[in-house]
Structures are given as structure tokens and as C-alpha cells.
Amino acid sequence: MGALIKNKDEKYLLIRSSHWHDKLTIVGGHVEYGETLVEAIHREVKEEIGVEIDHLELIGPYELMDDPEYYQSGHVVSFRYLARIDKKHDEIVLDHVEAEEYFWLSADEILSRDDVAHTAKSLIKDITEKNSNRDKKSIFSRKCADCEKVKTELETYRTGWQRALADYKNLQREISERRAEWVQMSEVQILDEFIPVYDNFKKAFSVNFTDWSPEQKNWLKGIEYIMKQFGDVLKSHQIEEIKTVGEKFDPTLHEASGEEESETESGMILREVSAGYRIGQKVIKAARVVVAK
């Protein structure tokens, strides 16, 4: 949306903008989420030229379709307003981001200059035609002929824009969630390949080392430390071993590789064949166990 600003000397404010290939145009910008059009106009004017608007009236919507003077291609739907300020010229402070310099020009001066964007000239022509009869009321004091129609169109555009923005935010959230799932899936796949190495370490330490020499036992302590590091890596990724011996057999956590006669209650796990692992409630690898008959 944009605002054509008029002062008490009946001159209009135009700014030189890089968005219009350094041509002169009206103050304007975009609408942020949650803003009304009027709130957005007040904010943009304040940001770009540092003043408050004293009066604001809707002129109507307009469209741009791949305009060669505008810095972006595409279809743009906007709303133009006529505004009045009673500030002194030297109170205007440009942001030097979009507004690089400004001029107070009469309607004739605007229409005669080659460095004015065609959209600004078109707006001046519309206003000049409306004010051609000096006996009529000022554009600021008369009611627009199609106010209800304009309000309806405005609300339609606003509702559609808010719906599109909500859909976009939902899409962003969905992509973010899926990206996190992809990262976790990749992580689980790597850890799934890592777990058998850890299991082999554990199996190696099931051997009886009582007959080993002091030198061999020192070497064994070093290997034990490496195995502990493996276990710490798994814990840091919230991977925990599934409990087996002494637990009740659970088909969601355990895989029975055999049964043995035992005085223990039927269905209790007697021996672990290979360890199982899970992240939270998700089983990465079921524990293989021997169960009591």
C-alpha cells in the first residue's frame, strides 16, 4: 500500500526509491501480520520519513503486473491513500533505506517530470480529475461514492492474505518438524550400525580374565575405558539398554530365542543372548533372550 502525502501548501511529497529504480514515488510498503491497512500506512510513513499523518483517506485499490519500473516482478495488489500532514518541511527525516531523498512538488510539476514513476503520475491524474471542479468539497471532506464496495473488496483481500499467511506459517512448522524427524532418523541409522560394535565389546568382556598377568590386566582396563566411552555416547543420544534378566518377557521389547525348564515363574527372562536398545518408547533393536517355561 502507499500514501500520497499533501501539505498545507497544496504540494505533494515524493521520495526517490531504489525499489522504483531511483524514480520518484509515494511513501509505501508492506502490511505486517496482524496489522490493518491503516496501521501499516501510519507505521511505514513514520519509518520512512519520520512524521505522523494528520489525516488519511482511502483512494482505492490498484494492481501491478510485472511492472518494469518496480524492482520485483509478479502480481502486486495494493491500496492507495491520500494523507495530509501539517509539519514543516525540515521536520522530515528520511530513513535512507527506501527513501533516499524527497521533494515537495505541485501536481503540474509531478506530471511534467521524467523521473516520476508512472504509478505516481497516474495517482496525481486521478486526484486532479476529482478536484477539477473547485466548487466541490475537498476530497478529505466528501464521502466516497463506492465506500461500501471498497470496504468489501478490502476485507476480501485482507481475509485472503491472512489465510495465505497462516497456511505459509503452518507449512513452515510442518517442514521444521519433518526436518527434525529426518535428522533423528539419520542419527538412529548411524547408531544402529554402531551398536553391534558395542555389543561385541561386551561379549569380549564375558571371558574369565582371572589368569591374566598384571600387564594384560592393565591393557584390559584401557579397553574397559573405551567400552565405557561407547556406552556414554549411546546415553548422550538418549539410547538405553532394554532390561532383560529377571524381567517379565515383553514381546514389544524382547525376542525369545529359546525356552528352558526353570523353577522361576514361567515367562520370566533367564538369560540374555544379545542386548536390546530403545530411544524413549521406540525400540531400535529388540533384546534376544531365553525365557523360563
Protein backbone atom coordinates (compact mmCIF):
# COMPACT_ATOMS: atom_id res chain seq x y z
CA MET A 1 0.00 0.00 0.00
CA GLY A 2 1.07 3.62 -0.41
CA ALA A 3 0.22 7.11 0.78
CA LEU A 4 0.28 10.28 -1.33
CA ILE A 5 1.07 12.96 1.27
CA LYS A 6 -0.16 16.53 0.82
CA ASN A 7 0.90 19.58 2.86
CA LYS A 8 -0.92 22.80 3.69
CA ASP A 9 0.70 24.47 0.64
CA GLU A 10 -1.15 22.02 -1.64
CA LYS A 11 2.07 20.25 -2.65
CA TYR A 12 2.69 16.53 -2.69
CA LEU A 13 5.59 14.61 -1.15
CA LEU A 14 7.50 12.23 -3.41
CA ILE A 15 10.55 10.19 -2.40
CA ARG A 16 13.32 8.76 -4.54
CA SER A 17 13.29 4.99 -4.06
CA SER A 18 15.64 2.23 -5.19
CA HIS A 19 12.57 -0.04 -5.34
CA TRP A 20 11.44 2.01 -8.34
CA HIS A 21 14.87 2.17 -10.00
CA ASP A 22 15.58 5.57 -8.34
CA LYS A 23 12.40 7.16 -9.67
CA LEU A 24 10.17 9.38 -7.54
CA THR A 25 7.19 7.67 -5.97
CA ILE A 26 4.87 7.88 -2.98
CA VAL A 27 5.67 6.61 0.52
CA GLY A 28 4.58 3.00 0.92
CA GLY A 29 5.44 -0.52 1.94
CA HIS A 30 4.01 -3.82 3.09
CA VAL A 31 1.48 -4.93 5.69
CA GLU A 32 2.84 -6.96 8.58
CA TYR A 33 0.95 -9.90 10.06
CA GLY A 34 -1.80 -8.70 12.40
CA GLU A 35 -1.84 -5.10 11.10
CA THR A 36 -4.72 -3.29 9.49
CA LEU A 37 -4.03 -1.30 6.32
CA VAL A 38 -4.37 1.98 8.23
CA GLU A 39 -1.95 0.83 10.93
CA ALA A 40 0.52 -0.26 8.26
CA ILE A 41 0.34 3.14 6.47
CA HIS A 42 0.98 5.03 9.72
CA ARG A 43 3.95 2.77 10.52
CA GLU A 44 5.52 2.97 7.06
CA VAL A 45 5.22 6.78 6.93
CA LYS A 46 6.77 7.05 10.38
CA GLU A 47 9.64 4.71 9.46
CA GLU A 48 10.43 6.24 6.08
CA ILE A 49 10.03 9.99 6.68
CA GLY A 50 9.74 10.28 10.48
CA VAL A 51 6.38 12.08 10.76
CA GLU A 52 2.83 11.34 11.88
CA ILE A 53 -0.07 11.58 9.41
CA ASP A 54 -2.73 14.14 10.34
CA HIS A 55 -5.43 12.83 8.01
CA LEU A 56 -5.88 9.69 5.93
CA GLU A 57 -8.44 8.70 3.31
CA LEU A 58 -8.64 5.64 1.10
CA ILE A 59 -8.43 6.33 -2.65
CA GLY A 60 -8.79 2.73 -3.75
CA PRO A 61 -7.00 -0.48 -4.77
CA TYR A 62 -4.64 -0.83 -7.70
CA GLU A 63 -2.68 -3.64 -9.32
CA LEU A 64 0.77 -4.08 -10.84
CA MET A 65 1.57 -6.96 -13.15
CA ASP A 66 5.31 -7.42 -13.89
CA ASP A 67 5.80 -3.65 -13.87
CA PRO A 68 9.24 -2.89 -15.43
CA GLU A 69 9.70 0.15 -13.17
CA TYR A 70 9.26 -1.90 -9.98
CA TYR A 71 12.21 -3.85 -8.58
CA GLN A 72 10.26 -7.11 -8.24
CA SER A 73 8.30 -8.92 -10.92
CA GLY A 74 4.95 -10.53 -10.25
CA HIS A 75 1.39 -9.57 -9.45
CA VAL A 76 1.04 -6.90 -6.74
CA VAL A 77 -2.29 -5.82 -5.25
CA SER A 78 -2.15 -2.69 -3.14
CA PHE A 79 -4.24 0.16 -1.74
CA ARG A 80 -3.58 3.88 -2.21
CA TYR A 81 -4.37 6.54 0.37
CA LEU A 82 -4.36 10.31 0.37
CA ALA A 83 -2.78 11.74 3.51
CA ARG A 84 -2.21 15.23 4.90
CA ILE A 85 0.46 16.48 7.23
CA ASP A 86 0.86 19.97 8.64
CA LYS A 87 4.52 19.54 9.59
CA LYS A 88 7.30 21.82 8.47
CA HIS A 89 9.46 20.61 5.61
CA ASP A 90 12.59 20.46 7.75
CA GLU A 91 10.93 18.04 10.20
CA ILE A 92 11.01 15.23 7.65
CA VAL A 93 13.76 12.69 8.42
CA LEU A 94 14.47 10.08 5.77
CA ASP A 95 15.43 6.52 6.70
CA HIS A 96 17.86 6.29 3.71
CA VAL A 97 16.84 2.66 3.28
CA GLU A 98 13.93 3.02 0.90
CA ALA A 99 13.66 6.81 0.89
CA GLU A 100 16.88 8.39 -0.40
CA GLU A 101 15.67 11.99 -0.95
CA TYR A 102 12.35 13.83 -1.02
CA PHE A 103 10.63 16.64 -2.91
CA TRP A 104 7.52 18.73 -2.33
CA LEU A 105 6.01 19.18 -5.81
CA SER A 106 2.83 20.58 -7.29
CA ALA A 107 0.59 18.36 -9.42
CA ASP A 108 1.83 20.08 -12.60
CA GLU A 109 5.48 19.59 -11.60
CA ILE A 110 4.89 15.90 -10.95
CA LEU A 111 3.19 15.36 -14.29
CA SER A 112 5.96 17.20 -16.18
CA ARG A 113 8.95 15.36 -14.69
CA ASP A 114 10.54 12.35 -16.40
CA ASP A 115 11.88 10.86 -13.16
CA VAL A 116 8.46 10.23 -11.61
CA ALA A 117 7.12 6.65 -11.59
CA HIS A 118 4.10 6.19 -13.82
CA THR A 119 2.04 4.91 -10.86
CA ALA A 120 2.58 8.22 -9.01
CA LYS A 121 1.63 10.20 -12.12
CA SER A 122 -1.49 8.10 -12.55
CA LEU A 123 -2.48 8.80 -8.95
CA ILE A 124 -1.97 12.54 -9.37
CA LYS A 125 -4.11 12.49 -12.53
CA ASP A 126 -6.90 10.69 -10.65
CA ILE A 127 -6.85 13.24 -7.83
CA THR A 128 -6.60 16.19 -10.21
CA GLU A 129 -9.65 14.99 -12.11
CA LYS A 130 -11.62 14.60 -8.88
CA ASN A 131 -10.67 18.13 -7.83
CA SER A 132 -11.26 19.75 -11.23
CA ASN A 133 -14.44 21.41 -10.02
CA ARG A 134 -13.29 23.90 -7.37
CA ASP A 135 -16.80 24.37 -6.08
CA LYS A 136 -16.95 20.76 -4.93
CA LYS A 137 -15.89 19.72 -1.48
CA SER A 138 -12.34 18.67 -0.77
CA ILE A 139 -11.52 15.00 -1.20
CA PHE A 140 -10.88 14.99 2.55
CA SER A 141 -14.42 16.07 3.44
CA ARG A 142 -16.65 14.26 0.95
CA LYS A 143 -17.79 10.69 1.20
CA CYS A 144 -16.55 8.33 -1.49
CA ALA A 145 -19.17 7.08 -3.93
CA ASP A 146 -18.30 3.40 -3.58
CA CYS A 147 -17.24 3.20 0.05
CA GLU A 148 -19.14 0.02 0.84
CA LYS A 149 -17.86 -1.72 -2.29
CA VAL A 150 -14.28 -0.70 -1.50
CA LYS A 151 -14.63 -1.84 2.11
CA THR A 152 -15.97 -5.21 0.95
CA GLU A 153 -13.12 -5.65 -1.52
CA LEU A 154 -10.59 -4.58 1.10
CA GLU A 155 -11.91 -7.11 3.61
CA THR A 156 -11.85 -9.84 0.94
CA TYR A 157 -8.21 -9.11 0.11
CA ARG A 158 -7.31 -8.89 3.81
CA THR A 159 -9.02 -12.21 4.64
CA GLY A 160 -7.34 -13.96 1.72
CA TRP A 161 -3.95 -12.54 2.67
CA GLN A 162 -4.31 -13.62 6.31
CA ARG A 163 -5.39 -17.11 5.24
CA ALA A 164 -2.43 -17.42 2.88
CA LEU A 165 -0.06 -16.22 5.61
CA ALA A 166 -1.49 -18.75 8.09
CA ASP A 167 -1.08 -21.55 5.52
CA TYR A 168 2.52 -20.46 4.94
CA LYS A 169 3.29 -20.49 8.67
CA ASN A 170 1.72 -23.96 9.00
CA LEU A 171 3.88 -25.15 6.11
CA GLN A 172 6.99 -23.71 7.78
CA ARG A 173 6.14 -25.52 11.03
CA GLU A 174 5.48 -28.81 9.20
CA ILE A 175 8.79 -28.59 7.32
CA SER A 176 10.62 -27.83 10.57
CA GLU A 177 9.04 -30.85 12.27
CA ARG A 178 9.85 -33.13 9.33
CA ARG A 179 13.41 -31.86 9.22
CA ALA A 180 13.81 -32.79 12.89
CA GLU A 181 12.40 -36.26 12.14
CA TRP A 182 14.85 -36.70 9.25
CA VAL A 183 17.76 -35.74 11.48
CA GLN A 184 16.65 -38.22 14.14
CA MET A 185 16.18 -40.98 11.54
CA SER A 186 19.71 -40.41 10.21
CA GLU A 187 21.07 -40.42 13.74
CA VAL A 188 19.28 -43.69 14.59
CA GLN A 189 20.60 -45.32 11.41
CA ILE A 190 24.19 -44.41 12.34
CA LEU A 191 23.73 -45.59 15.92
CA ASP A 192 22.14 -48.81 14.68
CA GLU A 193 25.41 -49.59 12.88
CA PHE A 194 27.39 -48.53 15.94
CA ILE A 195 25.53 -50.75 18.43
CA PRO A 196 26.90 -54.15 17.20
CA VAL A 197 30.44 -52.90 17.87
CA TYR A 198 29.44 -52.06 21.44
CA ASP A 199 27.76 -55.48 21.80
CA ASN A 200 30.95 -57.26 20.68
CA PHE A 201 32.91 -55.31 23.27
CA LYS A 202 30.53 -56.53 25.96
CA LYS A 203 30.72 -60.13 24.76
CA ALA A 204 34.52 -59.97 24.79
CA PHE A 205 34.45 -58.99 28.46
CA SER A 206 32.35 -62.04 29.39
CA VAL A 207 35.57 -64.13 29.23
CA ASN A 208 37.27 -65.09 32.50
CA PHE A 209 40.32 -62.85 32.97
CA THR A 210 41.45 -64.18 36.36
CA ASP A 211 44.54 -65.93 34.93
CA TRP A 212 45.80 -62.84 33.12
CA SER A 213 49.14 -61.26 34.01
CA PRO A 214 49.30 -57.74 35.59
CA GLU A 215 50.40 -56.30 32.21
CA GLN A 216 47.43 -57.91 30.47
CA LYS A 217 45.04 -56.64 33.15
CA ASN A 218 46.37 -53.08 32.71
CA TRP A 219 45.68 -53.39 29.00
CA LEU A 220 42.22 -54.71 29.88
CA LYS A 221 41.48 -51.59 31.96
CA GLY A 222 42.24 -49.42 28.96
CA ILE A 223 39.86 -51.41 26.79
CA GLU A 224 37.23 -51.18 29.52
CA TYR A 225 37.54 -47.40 29.43
CA ILE A 226 36.99 -47.41 25.66
CA MET A 227 33.91 -49.58 26.12
CA LYS A 228 32.62 -47.12 28.74
CA GLN A 229 33.08 -44.30 26.21
CA PHE A 230 30.94 -46.26 23.77
CA GLY A 231 28.25 -46.58 26.41
CA ASP A 232 28.43 -42.85 27.22
CA VAL A 233 27.93 -41.99 23.54
CA LEU A 234 24.75 -44.09 23.48
CA LYS A 235 23.46 -42.44 26.67
CA SER A 236 24.16 -38.96 25.28
CA HIS A 237 21.75 -39.78 22.44
CA GLN A 238 19.09 -40.97 24.95
CA ILE A 239 19.63 -44.61 23.97
CA GLU A 240 19.13 -47.04 26.83
CA GLU A 241 19.57 -50.79 27.08
CA ILE A 242 16.41 -52.84 27.47
CA LYS A 243 16.27 -54.67 30.80
CA THR A 244 16.28 -58.44 30.46
CA VAL A 245 17.33 -60.94 33.19
CA GLY A 246 14.77 -61.03 36.00
CA GLU A 247 12.17 -59.13 33.94
CA LYS A 248 8.88 -60.45 32.59
CA PHE A 249 9.07 -61.28 28.88
CA ASP A 250 7.54 -58.42 26.82
CA PRO A 251 7.10 -59.14 23.08
CA THR A 252 7.33 -55.42 22.33
CA LEU A 253 10.82 -55.28 23.85
CA HIS A 254 12.16 -58.84 23.75
CA GLU A 255 12.67 -61.58 21.20
CA ALA A 256 12.64 -65.15 22.57
CA SER A 257 15.47 -67.27 21.16
CA GLY A 258 14.59 -70.25 23.33
CA GLU A 259 12.95 -71.65 26.47
CA GLU A 260 14.41 -73.58 29.39
CA GLU A 261 13.00 -75.51 32.30
CA SER A 262 13.37 -73.48 35.47
CA GLU A 263 11.96 -73.09 38.94
CA THR A 264 11.47 -69.44 38.06
CA GLU A 265 7.97 -68.26 37.17
CA SER A 266 7.01 -69.05 33.59
CA GLY A 267 7.64 -66.17 31.22
CA MET A 268 10.50 -64.66 33.24
CA ILE A 269 13.74 -63.96 31.39
CA LEU A 270 16.56 -66.29 32.46
CA ARG A 271 19.40 -65.20 30.20
CA GLU A 272 20.29 -62.50 27.71
CA VAL A 273 21.61 -63.68 24.34
CA SER A 274 22.09 -60.23 22.87
CA ALA A 275 21.28 -56.80 24.22
CA GLY A 276 18.36 -54.64 23.05
CA TYR A 277 18.16 -50.85 22.83
CA ARG A 278 15.49 -48.17 22.62
CA ILE A 279 15.04 -44.40 22.46
CA GLY A 280 12.17 -43.46 24.72
CA GLN A 281 9.35 -45.81 23.74
CA LYS A 282 10.81 -46.58 20.29
CA VAL A 283 12.67 -49.91 20.09
CA ILE A 284 15.80 -49.75 17.93
CA LYS A 285 16.78 -53.38 18.49
CA ALA A 286 14.83 -55.98 20.45
CA ALA A 287 16.74 -57.90 23.12
CA ARG A 288 17.17 -61.62 22.37
CA VAL A 289 16.57 -63.67 25.49
CA VAL A 290 15.99 -67.15 26.90
CA VAL A 291 12.69 -67.47 28.76
CA ALA A 292 11.60 -69.79 31.58
CA LYS A 293 8.97 -72.41 30.72
